[in-house]
Structure formats: structure tokens, C-alpha cells
N, C-alpha and C. Protein backbone atom coordinates (compact mmCIF):
# COMPACT_ATOMS: atom_id res chain seq x y z
N MET A 1 -3.77 -4.47 3.89
CA MET A 1 -2.91 -5.63 4.04
C MET A 1 -3.51 -6.79 3.27
N ILE A 2 -2.66 -7.57 2.65
CA ILE A 2 -3.06 -8.78 1.95
C ILE A 2 -2.36 -9.94 2.65
N ALA A 3 -3.12 -10.97 3.00
CA ALA A 3 -2.54 -12.12 3.70
C ALA A 3 -2.75 -13.37 2.85
N PHE A 4 -1.78 -14.27 2.88
CA PHE A 4 -1.85 -15.56 2.21
C PHE A 4 -1.83 -16.64 3.27
N ASN A 5 -2.67 -17.64 3.11
CA ASN A 5 -2.65 -18.81 3.97
C ASN A 5 -2.78 -20.03 3.09
N VAL A 6 -1.96 -21.02 3.32
CA VAL A 6 -2.04 -22.29 2.59
C VAL A 6 -2.44 -23.35 3.60
N LYS A 7 -3.50 -24.08 3.28
CA LYS A 7 -3.99 -25.11 4.19
C LYS A 7 -3.69 -26.48 3.59
N VAL A 8 -3.19 -27.37 4.42
CA VAL A 8 -2.84 -28.73 3.99
C VAL A 8 -3.99 -29.65 4.36
N THR A 9 -4.47 -30.42 3.36
CA THR A 9 -5.51 -31.42 3.63
C THR A 9 -5.08 -32.75 3.04
N GLY A 10 -5.67 -33.81 3.51
CA GLY A 10 -5.34 -35.14 3.01
C GLY A 10 -4.36 -35.84 3.94
N LYS A 11 -4.24 -37.15 3.74
CA LYS A 11 -3.35 -37.94 4.61
C LYS A 11 -2.46 -38.83 3.76
N LEU A 12 -1.24 -38.98 4.19
CA LEU A 12 -0.31 -39.93 3.62
C LEU A 12 0.28 -40.74 4.77
N LYS A 13 0.53 -42.02 4.53
CA LYS A 13 1.08 -42.86 5.59
C LYS A 13 2.49 -42.44 5.95
N ASP A 14 3.29 -42.14 4.95
CA ASP A 14 4.68 -41.77 5.17
C ASP A 14 4.78 -40.26 5.39
N LYS A 15 5.36 -39.82 6.49
CA LYS A 15 5.46 -38.40 6.82
C LYS A 15 6.78 -37.77 6.34
N SER A 16 7.57 -38.48 5.57
CA SER A 16 8.85 -37.94 5.12
C SER A 16 8.66 -36.79 4.12
N TRP A 17 7.51 -36.66 3.55
CA TRP A 17 7.23 -35.62 2.56
C TRP A 17 6.98 -34.25 3.20
N VAL A 18 6.71 -34.21 4.50
CA VAL A 18 6.28 -32.97 5.16
C VAL A 18 7.35 -31.88 5.07
N LYS A 19 8.60 -32.21 5.37
CA LYS A 19 9.67 -31.21 5.34
C LYS A 19 9.85 -30.63 3.94
N ASP A 20 9.85 -31.50 2.95
CA ASP A 20 9.99 -31.07 1.55
C ASP A 20 8.80 -30.19 1.14
N TYR A 21 7.62 -30.58 1.57
CA TYR A 21 6.40 -29.84 1.23
C TYR A 21 6.44 -28.44 1.85
N LYS A 22 6.83 -28.35 3.13
CA LYS A 22 6.90 -27.06 3.80
C LYS A 22 7.93 -26.14 3.13
N ALA A 23 9.06 -26.69 2.72
CA ALA A 23 10.08 -25.89 2.05
C ALA A 23 9.57 -25.38 0.70
N LEU A 24 8.85 -26.24 -0.02
CA LEU A 24 8.28 -25.84 -1.31
C LEU A 24 7.27 -24.71 -1.13
N ILE A 25 6.37 -24.85 -0.18
CA ILE A 25 5.35 -23.82 0.06
C ILE A 25 6.00 -22.52 0.51
N ALA A 26 7.01 -22.59 1.37
CA ALA A 26 7.69 -21.38 1.84
C ALA A 26 8.37 -20.65 0.68
N ARG A 27 9.03 -21.41 -0.22
CA ARG A 27 9.68 -20.82 -1.39
C ARG A 27 8.65 -20.13 -2.29
N GLU A 28 7.57 -20.84 -2.54
CA GLU A 28 6.51 -20.31 -3.40
C GLU A 28 5.82 -19.11 -2.74
N MET A 29 5.67 -19.16 -1.44
CA MET A 29 5.06 -18.05 -0.70
C MET A 29 5.92 -16.79 -0.85
N LYS A 30 7.23 -16.92 -0.67
CA LYS A 30 8.13 -15.77 -0.82
C LYS A 30 8.04 -15.19 -2.23
N ARG A 31 8.04 -16.06 -3.22
CA ARG A 31 7.96 -15.62 -4.61
C ARG A 31 6.67 -14.85 -4.87
N ASN A 32 5.55 -15.38 -4.40
CA ASN A 32 4.26 -14.74 -4.63
C ASN A 32 4.11 -13.46 -3.82
N LEU A 33 4.68 -13.42 -2.63
CA LEU A 33 4.64 -12.18 -1.84
C LEU A 33 5.35 -11.05 -2.57
N LEU A 34 6.47 -11.36 -3.20
CA LEU A 34 7.20 -10.33 -3.96
C LEU A 34 6.40 -9.84 -5.16
N ILE A 35 5.69 -10.75 -5.82
CA ILE A 35 4.84 -10.37 -6.95
C ILE A 35 3.76 -9.40 -6.50
N VAL A 36 3.10 -9.72 -5.41
CA VAL A 36 2.02 -8.87 -4.90
C VAL A 36 2.59 -7.56 -4.37
N GLU A 37 3.71 -7.62 -3.67
CA GLU A 37 4.34 -6.41 -3.15
C GLU A 37 4.65 -5.43 -4.28
N ARG A 38 5.21 -5.94 -5.37
CA ARG A 38 5.54 -5.11 -6.52
C ARG A 38 4.28 -4.43 -7.08
N GLU A 39 3.19 -5.18 -7.15
CA GLU A 39 1.94 -4.63 -7.67
C GLU A 39 1.36 -3.57 -6.74
N VAL A 40 1.44 -3.79 -5.43
CA VAL A 40 0.97 -2.79 -4.47
C VAL A 40 1.79 -1.51 -4.63
N GLU A 41 3.11 -1.65 -4.75
CA GLU A 41 3.98 -0.48 -4.91
C GLU A 41 3.62 0.29 -6.18
N ARG A 42 3.32 -0.42 -7.25
CA ARG A 42 2.94 0.23 -8.50
C ARG A 42 1.69 1.10 -8.34
N ASN A 43 0.75 0.65 -7.52
CA ASN A 43 -0.52 1.35 -7.34
C ASN A 43 -0.49 2.39 -6.23
N THR A 44 0.60 2.43 -5.46
CA THR A 44 0.67 3.33 -4.30
C THR A 44 1.06 4.73 -4.73
N PRO A 45 0.29 5.74 -4.30
CA PRO A 45 0.68 7.12 -4.61
C PRO A 45 2.00 7.49 -3.94
N VAL A 46 2.79 8.30 -4.61
CA VAL A 46 4.11 8.65 -4.09
C VAL A 46 4.01 9.60 -2.91
N GLY A 47 3.15 10.58 -2.97
CA GLY A 47 3.01 11.53 -1.87
C GLY A 47 4.17 12.49 -1.81
N VAL A 48 4.34 13.15 -0.69
CA VAL A 48 5.37 14.18 -0.55
C VAL A 48 6.75 13.56 -0.41
N ALA A 49 6.91 12.65 0.51
CA ALA A 49 8.24 12.11 0.81
C ALA A 49 8.45 10.71 0.23
N GLY A 50 7.42 10.09 -0.30
CA GLY A 50 7.55 8.73 -0.81
C GLY A 50 7.58 7.68 0.28
N ALA A 51 7.25 8.05 1.51
CA ALA A 51 7.33 7.12 2.65
C ALA A 51 6.31 6.00 2.52
N LEU A 52 5.15 6.30 1.96
CA LEU A 52 4.11 5.27 1.84
C LEU A 52 4.57 4.17 0.88
N ARG A 53 5.03 4.57 -0.28
CA ARG A 53 5.49 3.58 -1.26
C ARG A 53 6.71 2.83 -0.75
N ALA A 54 7.61 3.54 -0.09
CA ALA A 54 8.82 2.90 0.45
C ALA A 54 8.49 1.95 1.60
N GLY A 55 7.37 2.17 2.27
CA GLY A 55 7.00 1.35 3.41
C GLY A 55 6.30 0.05 3.06
N VAL A 56 5.93 -0.14 1.79
CA VAL A 56 5.27 -1.38 1.38
C VAL A 56 6.28 -2.52 1.49
N THR A 57 5.90 -3.55 2.23
CA THR A 57 6.83 -4.65 2.47
C THR A 57 6.07 -5.97 2.56
N SER A 58 6.77 -7.05 2.28
CA SER A 58 6.17 -8.38 2.42
C SER A 58 6.94 -9.15 3.48
N LYS A 59 6.24 -10.06 4.13
CA LYS A 59 6.87 -10.82 5.22
C LYS A 59 6.33 -12.24 5.22
N LEU A 60 7.24 -13.19 5.28
CA LEU A 60 6.87 -14.59 5.45
C LEU A 60 6.75 -14.82 6.95
N VAL A 61 5.52 -14.97 7.43
CA VAL A 61 5.27 -15.13 8.86
C VAL A 61 5.56 -16.56 9.30
N ALA A 62 5.09 -17.51 8.53
CA ALA A 62 5.33 -18.93 8.78
C ALA A 62 5.42 -19.60 7.40
N TRP A 63 5.78 -20.84 7.33
CA TRP A 63 5.95 -21.50 6.04
C TRP A 63 4.67 -21.46 5.21
N ASN A 64 3.50 -21.36 5.85
CA ASN A 64 2.24 -21.37 5.12
C ASN A 64 1.45 -20.08 5.28
N HIS A 65 2.10 -19.01 5.77
CA HIS A 65 1.39 -17.75 5.98
C HIS A 65 2.33 -16.59 5.69
N GLY A 66 1.87 -15.68 4.85
CA GLY A 66 2.65 -14.48 4.54
C GLY A 66 1.71 -13.31 4.37
N ARG A 67 2.28 -12.09 4.41
CA ARG A 67 1.44 -10.90 4.24
C ARG A 67 2.21 -9.78 3.57
N VAL A 68 1.45 -8.93 2.89
CA VAL A 68 1.99 -7.71 2.29
C VAL A 68 1.28 -6.57 2.99
N ALA A 69 2.04 -5.64 3.55
CA ALA A 69 1.47 -4.52 4.30
C ALA A 69 2.42 -3.33 4.24
N VAL A 70 2.02 -2.25 4.88
CA VAL A 70 2.88 -1.08 5.00
C VAL A 70 3.48 -1.09 6.40
N ALA A 71 4.78 -0.89 6.48
CA ALA A 71 5.46 -0.85 7.77
C ALA A 71 6.14 0.50 7.91
N GLY A 72 6.44 0.87 9.11
CA GLY A 72 7.16 2.12 9.35
C GLY A 72 6.25 3.28 9.64
N PRO A 73 6.77 4.50 9.42
CA PRO A 73 6.03 5.69 9.81
C PRO A 73 4.74 5.93 9.03
N ALA A 74 4.62 5.35 7.86
CA ALA A 74 3.44 5.60 7.01
C ALA A 74 2.30 4.62 7.28
N THR A 75 2.39 3.79 8.31
CA THR A 75 1.38 2.76 8.57
C THR A 75 -0.02 3.34 8.74
N LYS A 76 -0.16 4.37 9.55
CA LYS A 76 -1.48 4.97 9.79
C LYS A 76 -2.02 5.63 8.52
N TYR A 77 -1.15 6.28 7.81
CA TYR A 77 -1.52 6.97 6.58
C TYR A 77 -1.96 6.00 5.48
N ALA A 78 -1.42 4.77 5.50
CA ALA A 78 -1.72 3.78 4.47
C ALA A 78 -3.21 3.46 4.39
N GLU A 79 -3.84 3.28 5.53
CA GLU A 79 -5.26 2.94 5.54
C GLU A 79 -6.10 4.09 4.97
N ILE A 80 -5.72 5.31 5.30
CA ILE A 80 -6.45 6.47 4.78
C ILE A 80 -6.30 6.57 3.27
N ARG A 81 -5.09 6.34 2.75
CA ARG A 81 -4.87 6.40 1.30
C ARG A 81 -5.55 5.22 0.60
N GLU A 82 -5.60 4.07 1.26
CA GLU A 82 -6.25 2.90 0.66
C GLU A 82 -7.75 3.13 0.49
N LYS A 83 -8.42 3.55 1.55
CA LYS A 83 -9.88 3.65 1.54
C LYS A 83 -10.41 5.03 1.22
N GLY A 84 -9.57 6.05 1.30
CA GLY A 84 -10.02 7.42 1.09
C GLY A 84 -10.43 8.06 2.39
N ARG A 85 -10.94 9.26 2.29
CA ARG A 85 -11.31 10.02 3.48
C ARG A 85 -12.69 10.60 3.28
N ARG A 86 -13.57 10.31 4.22
CA ARG A 86 -14.92 10.87 4.15
C ARG A 86 -14.88 12.34 4.55
N PRO A 87 -15.86 13.11 4.10
CA PRO A 87 -15.95 14.50 4.57
C PRO A 87 -16.15 14.52 6.08
N GLY A 88 -15.68 15.58 6.69
CA GLY A 88 -15.84 15.70 8.14
C GLY A 88 -14.74 16.54 8.74
N ARG A 89 -13.85 15.91 9.46
CA ARG A 89 -12.79 16.63 10.17
C ARG A 89 -11.70 17.14 9.23
N PHE A 90 -11.00 18.17 9.70
CA PHE A 90 -9.87 18.73 8.96
C PHE A 90 -8.68 17.77 9.03
N PRO A 91 -7.94 17.61 7.94
CA PRO A 91 -6.70 16.84 8.00
C PRO A 91 -5.63 17.66 8.71
N PRO A 92 -4.50 17.06 9.08
CA PRO A 92 -3.44 17.81 9.77
C PRO A 92 -2.90 18.94 8.88
N PRO A 93 -2.94 20.19 9.33
CA PRO A 93 -2.51 21.31 8.49
C PRO A 93 -1.01 21.29 8.18
N ASP A 94 -0.21 20.73 9.10
CA ASP A 94 1.23 20.67 8.85
C ASP A 94 1.55 19.78 7.66
N ALA A 95 0.84 18.66 7.55
CA ALA A 95 1.05 17.76 6.41
C ALA A 95 0.64 18.42 5.11
N ILE A 96 -0.46 19.17 5.13
CA ILE A 96 -0.93 19.87 3.93
C ILE A 96 0.10 20.94 3.54
N ALA A 97 0.61 21.69 4.51
CA ALA A 97 1.60 22.73 4.23
C ALA A 97 2.88 22.12 3.65
N LEU A 98 3.30 20.99 4.18
CA LEU A 98 4.49 20.31 3.66
C LEU A 98 4.27 19.89 2.21
N TRP A 99 3.10 19.33 1.93
CA TRP A 99 2.77 18.94 0.56
C TRP A 99 2.78 20.16 -0.36
N LEU A 100 2.21 21.26 0.09
CA LEU A 100 2.17 22.48 -0.73
C LEU A 100 3.58 23.01 -1.01
N LYS A 101 4.48 22.91 -0.02
CA LYS A 101 5.85 23.39 -0.20
C LYS A 101 6.66 22.52 -1.14
N ARG A 102 6.44 21.21 -1.07
CA ARG A 102 7.34 20.28 -1.78
C ARG A 102 6.91 19.94 -3.20
N THR A 103 5.66 20.14 -3.56
CA THR A 103 5.23 19.74 -4.89
C THR A 103 5.04 20.95 -5.80
N ASP A 104 5.25 20.75 -7.09
CA ASP A 104 5.06 21.82 -8.07
C ASP A 104 3.61 22.30 -8.04
N ARG A 105 2.70 21.35 -8.02
CA ARG A 105 1.28 21.68 -8.00
C ARG A 105 0.93 22.49 -6.75
N GLY A 106 1.51 22.11 -5.61
CA GLY A 106 1.27 22.82 -4.36
C GLY A 106 1.83 24.24 -4.40
N ARG A 107 3.04 24.39 -4.94
CA ARG A 107 3.64 25.73 -5.02
C ARG A 107 2.82 26.61 -5.95
N ALA A 108 2.32 26.05 -7.04
CA ALA A 108 1.47 26.83 -7.95
C ALA A 108 0.18 27.25 -7.26
N TYR A 109 -0.37 26.37 -6.42
CA TYR A 109 -1.59 26.68 -5.68
C TYR A 109 -1.34 27.82 -4.69
N VAL A 110 -0.21 27.77 -3.99
CA VAL A 110 0.15 28.83 -3.03
C VAL A 110 0.32 30.16 -3.77
N ALA A 111 0.98 30.13 -4.92
CA ALA A 111 1.17 31.36 -5.70
C ALA A 111 -0.17 31.93 -6.16
N ALA A 112 -1.08 31.04 -6.56
CA ALA A 112 -2.40 31.50 -6.99
C ALA A 112 -3.17 32.12 -5.83
N ILE A 113 -3.08 31.53 -4.65
CA ILE A 113 -3.76 32.07 -3.46
C ILE A 113 -3.15 33.42 -3.09
N ALA A 114 -1.81 33.51 -3.15
CA ALA A 114 -1.14 34.78 -2.83
C ALA A 114 -1.57 35.88 -3.79
N ALA A 115 -1.70 35.54 -5.07
CA ALA A 115 -2.12 36.54 -6.06
C ALA A 115 -3.59 36.92 -5.86
N LYS A 116 -4.43 35.93 -5.62
CA LYS A 116 -5.86 36.18 -5.49
C LYS A 116 -6.17 37.07 -4.29
N TYR A 117 -5.53 36.80 -3.15
CA TYR A 117 -5.80 37.55 -1.93
C TYR A 117 -4.77 38.65 -1.66
N LYS A 118 -3.86 38.86 -2.64
CA LYS A 118 -2.84 39.92 -2.56
C LYS A 118 -2.01 39.81 -1.27
N ILE A 119 -1.51 38.61 -1.03
CA ILE A 119 -0.68 38.34 0.15
C ILE A 119 0.78 38.46 -0.27
N LYS A 120 1.54 39.30 0.38
CA LYS A 120 2.95 39.52 0.04
C LYS A 120 3.88 38.54 0.77
N ASN A 121 3.56 38.20 2.01
CA ASN A 121 4.40 37.35 2.83
C ASN A 121 4.22 35.88 2.40
N ALA A 122 5.32 35.19 2.09
CA ALA A 122 5.27 33.80 1.63
C ALA A 122 4.71 32.87 2.71
N ALA A 123 5.09 33.10 3.95
CA ALA A 123 4.63 32.25 5.05
C ALA A 123 3.12 32.40 5.25
N SER A 124 2.63 33.61 5.13
CA SER A 124 1.19 33.84 5.26
C SER A 124 0.42 33.20 4.11
N ALA A 125 0.99 33.29 2.91
CA ALA A 125 0.35 32.68 1.74
C ALA A 125 0.29 31.17 1.89
N LEU A 126 1.37 30.58 2.40
CA LEU A 126 1.40 29.14 2.63
C LEU A 126 0.37 28.72 3.68
N LYS A 127 0.30 29.49 4.75
CA LYS A 127 -0.66 29.19 5.83
C LYS A 127 -2.10 29.28 5.31
N GLN A 128 -2.38 30.32 4.53
CA GLN A 128 -3.72 30.50 3.97
C GLN A 128 -4.06 29.37 3.00
N ALA A 129 -3.10 29.03 2.13
CA ALA A 129 -3.33 27.96 1.15
C ALA A 129 -3.54 26.62 1.85
N ALA A 130 -2.76 26.35 2.90
CA ALA A 130 -2.91 25.09 3.64
C ALA A 130 -4.29 25.03 4.29
N PHE A 131 -4.74 26.15 4.85
CA PHE A 131 -6.07 26.18 5.46
C PHE A 131 -7.15 25.91 4.41
N LEU A 132 -7.05 26.58 3.26
CA LEU A 132 -8.08 26.41 2.22
C LEU A 132 -8.10 24.97 1.69
N LYS A 133 -6.93 24.39 1.51
CA LYS A 133 -6.85 23.01 1.01
C LYS A 133 -7.41 22.05 2.06
N ALA A 134 -7.06 22.25 3.32
CA ALA A 134 -7.57 21.40 4.41
C ALA A 134 -9.09 21.53 4.52
N ARG A 135 -9.60 22.74 4.36
CA ARG A 135 -11.05 22.94 4.42
C ARG A 135 -11.75 22.22 3.27
N ALA A 136 -11.15 22.26 2.08
CA ALA A 136 -11.74 21.56 0.94
C ALA A 136 -11.76 20.05 1.19
N ILE A 137 -10.70 19.51 1.75
CA ILE A 137 -10.65 18.08 2.07
C ILE A 137 -11.68 17.75 3.15
N ALA A 138 -11.82 18.63 4.14
CA ALA A 138 -12.80 18.41 5.21
C ALA A 138 -14.22 18.43 4.65
N ARG A 139 -14.47 19.26 3.67
CA ARG A 139 -15.81 19.36 3.08
C ARG A 139 -16.13 18.22 2.13
N LYS A 140 -15.16 17.88 1.28
CA LYS A 140 -15.42 16.90 0.20
C LYS A 140 -14.86 15.51 0.48
N GLY A 141 -13.81 15.43 1.31
CA GLY A 141 -13.10 14.17 1.48
C GLY A 141 -12.26 13.91 0.24
N TYR A 142 -11.77 12.70 0.08
CA TYR A 142 -11.11 12.33 -1.17
C TYR A 142 -11.18 10.83 -1.38
N LYS A 143 -11.07 10.46 -2.64
CA LYS A 143 -11.20 9.07 -3.05
C LYS A 143 -9.93 8.29 -2.69
N GLY A 144 -10.12 7.05 -2.33
CA GLY A 144 -8.98 6.20 -1.97
C GLY A 144 -8.20 5.75 -3.20
N ALA A 145 -6.97 5.32 -2.97
CA ALA A 145 -6.12 4.81 -4.05
C ALA A 145 -6.37 3.32 -4.28
N PHE A 146 -6.87 2.60 -3.28
CA PHE A 146 -7.19 1.17 -3.35
C PHE A 146 -6.03 0.35 -3.90
N MET A 147 -4.81 0.66 -3.42
CA MET A 147 -3.63 -0.03 -3.92
C MET A 147 -3.60 -1.51 -3.54
N PHE A 148 -4.06 -1.85 -2.33
CA PHE A 148 -4.07 -3.25 -1.92
C PHE A 148 -5.19 -4.02 -2.62
N ARG A 149 -6.36 -3.43 -2.69
CA ARG A 149 -7.50 -4.09 -3.33
C ARG A 149 -7.20 -4.37 -4.80
N GLU A 150 -6.64 -3.39 -5.49
CA GLU A 150 -6.32 -3.57 -6.91
C GLU A 150 -5.20 -4.57 -7.12
N ALA A 151 -4.20 -4.55 -6.25
CA ALA A 151 -3.10 -5.52 -6.36
C ALA A 151 -3.62 -6.94 -6.16
N GLU A 152 -4.52 -7.11 -5.19
CA GLU A 152 -5.09 -8.43 -4.94
C GLU A 152 -5.90 -8.89 -6.15
N ARG A 153 -6.68 -7.99 -6.70
CA ARG A 153 -7.52 -8.33 -7.87
C ARG A 153 -6.65 -8.71 -9.07
N LYS A 154 -5.58 -7.95 -9.30
CA LYS A 154 -4.73 -8.18 -10.47
C LYS A 154 -3.85 -9.42 -10.34
N THR A 155 -3.45 -9.78 -9.13
CA THR A 155 -2.48 -10.87 -8.97
C THR A 155 -3.10 -12.19 -8.50
N LYS A 156 -4.35 -12.17 -8.11
CA LYS A 156 -4.97 -13.36 -7.49
C LYS A 156 -4.85 -14.61 -8.38
N THR A 157 -5.24 -14.50 -9.63
CA THR A 157 -5.20 -15.69 -10.50
C THR A 157 -3.77 -16.16 -10.74
N ARG A 158 -2.84 -15.21 -10.86
CA ARG A 158 -1.44 -15.58 -11.07
C ARG A 158 -0.87 -16.29 -9.85
N VAL A 159 -1.18 -15.80 -8.67
CA VAL A 159 -0.68 -16.40 -7.43
C VAL A 159 -1.23 -17.81 -7.27
N ILE A 160 -2.52 -17.98 -7.50
CA ILE A 160 -3.13 -19.31 -7.40
C ILE A 160 -2.49 -20.26 -8.41
N ALA A 161 -2.31 -19.77 -9.63
CA ALA A 161 -1.67 -20.60 -10.66
C ALA A 161 -0.25 -20.99 -10.26
N ASN A 162 0.49 -20.07 -9.67
CA ASN A 162 1.85 -20.37 -9.21
C ASN A 162 1.86 -21.46 -8.14
N PHE A 163 0.95 -21.37 -7.17
CA PHE A 163 0.87 -22.39 -6.14
C PHE A 163 0.47 -23.74 -6.74
N LYS A 164 -0.51 -23.74 -7.64
CA LYS A 164 -0.94 -25.00 -8.27
C LYS A 164 0.19 -25.63 -9.07
N SER A 165 0.92 -24.82 -9.80
CA SER A 165 2.02 -25.36 -10.60
C SER A 165 3.13 -25.92 -9.71
N ALA A 166 3.43 -25.25 -8.60
CA ALA A 166 4.44 -25.75 -7.67
C ALA A 166 3.99 -27.07 -7.05
N LEU A 167 2.72 -27.15 -6.69
CA LEU A 167 2.20 -28.40 -6.12
C LEU A 167 2.22 -29.53 -7.15
N ALA A 168 1.92 -29.20 -8.40
CA ALA A 168 1.97 -30.23 -9.46
C ALA A 168 3.40 -30.75 -9.63
N ARG A 169 4.39 -29.85 -9.61
CA ARG A 169 5.80 -30.27 -9.71
C ARG A 169 6.19 -31.14 -8.54
N TRP A 170 5.70 -30.77 -7.34
CA TRP A 170 6.01 -31.54 -6.13
C TRP A 170 5.38 -32.93 -6.21
N ARG A 171 4.13 -33.00 -6.66
CA ARG A 171 3.46 -34.30 -6.79
C ARG A 171 4.18 -35.20 -7.78
N ALA A 172 4.67 -34.61 -8.87
CA ALA A 172 5.39 -35.38 -9.87
C ALA A 172 6.68 -35.99 -9.30
N ARG A 173 7.30 -35.29 -8.37
CA ARG A 173 8.53 -35.79 -7.74
C ARG A 173 8.26 -36.90 -6.75
N LEU A 174 7.04 -36.96 -6.19
CA LEU A 174 6.73 -37.99 -5.18
C LEU A 174 6.77 -39.34 -5.77
């Protein structure tokens, strides 16, 4: 998750500027959230069903606070894909089997396992391939996609520049 917070400092005698300032920051916040959201989506792996990429969303929480995160069924999976998985426990075999069934690479892997171990039954070959793939992940883990970290790194200077430019335009109007 990436969060934005804008802090207001300084004092003015006349408070009539507050409403205009809040509207400006909210507009700029929405604009920048969409920029970051787009970048996170670009870096997000598609996976089997595309639920992770489709779940990336931005939300304006308050006029000075917004966030980009994953919502929906892929929320738990997002953290694992972001940071990777250390060696240790087996991943869910049903998810591995689904991936093997739905992707070209997975189907080729199942066919190779069936040929190597001379398995005639497709369901048995899929079960064996899912077990072997899950065991490999349990032994080696896998590297994270770092979609949020990379999006933050790539967009940080642009977002700051956008806020500064909006504030400069607002100051010029005062």
C-alpha cells in the first residue's frame, strides 16, 4: 500500500482560503493517486485470473489523505506477490493446480511431467505436477514483484512536483 498525506503549516489571518485550499489538495490528490495506481498496475503480475491486477485501486480517504492498495479477493495474495515468499511451507496446491491448468507454461509443465513419469491419466499428471511445483516453491521460495515499491520509486518526484505546482498556482491566485 502507498499512502499520501499532505500537512498544512503556517498561519494566515483570513480563513477564507481554507475551503479553496482543501478543494485544490483533494483534486491534486485524486490526480496523483491515479498516476500511482496506473504505475502499480503496470508492475503487477497478471497471474491466473488477473484478480491481483484488477484489484489495484486508489481511494481518497480525506481531502489530505489518499492511498493506493489492493482491494477484493486478492488482498492477502498481494502482500505475498509484493515481498515474495521465503522457503518453508508449501503453497496451496489448489492454486498451483489452477495455474498449471490455465497457463500455457503450466500445461507444458504438466505434459513434461506426464511424459517423464509415464502417467496416462491427465488428473494424476496434474496432481503430480502441482505437488512438484509446490515442493519447489516450498524449498526455494520466490522473488517478490515489488509493484508498490517500484511504483513509489518511479512516481515520487512527479507526485511531489505536481503538488508543488498546484500550490504555486494557488498562491498566485491569492
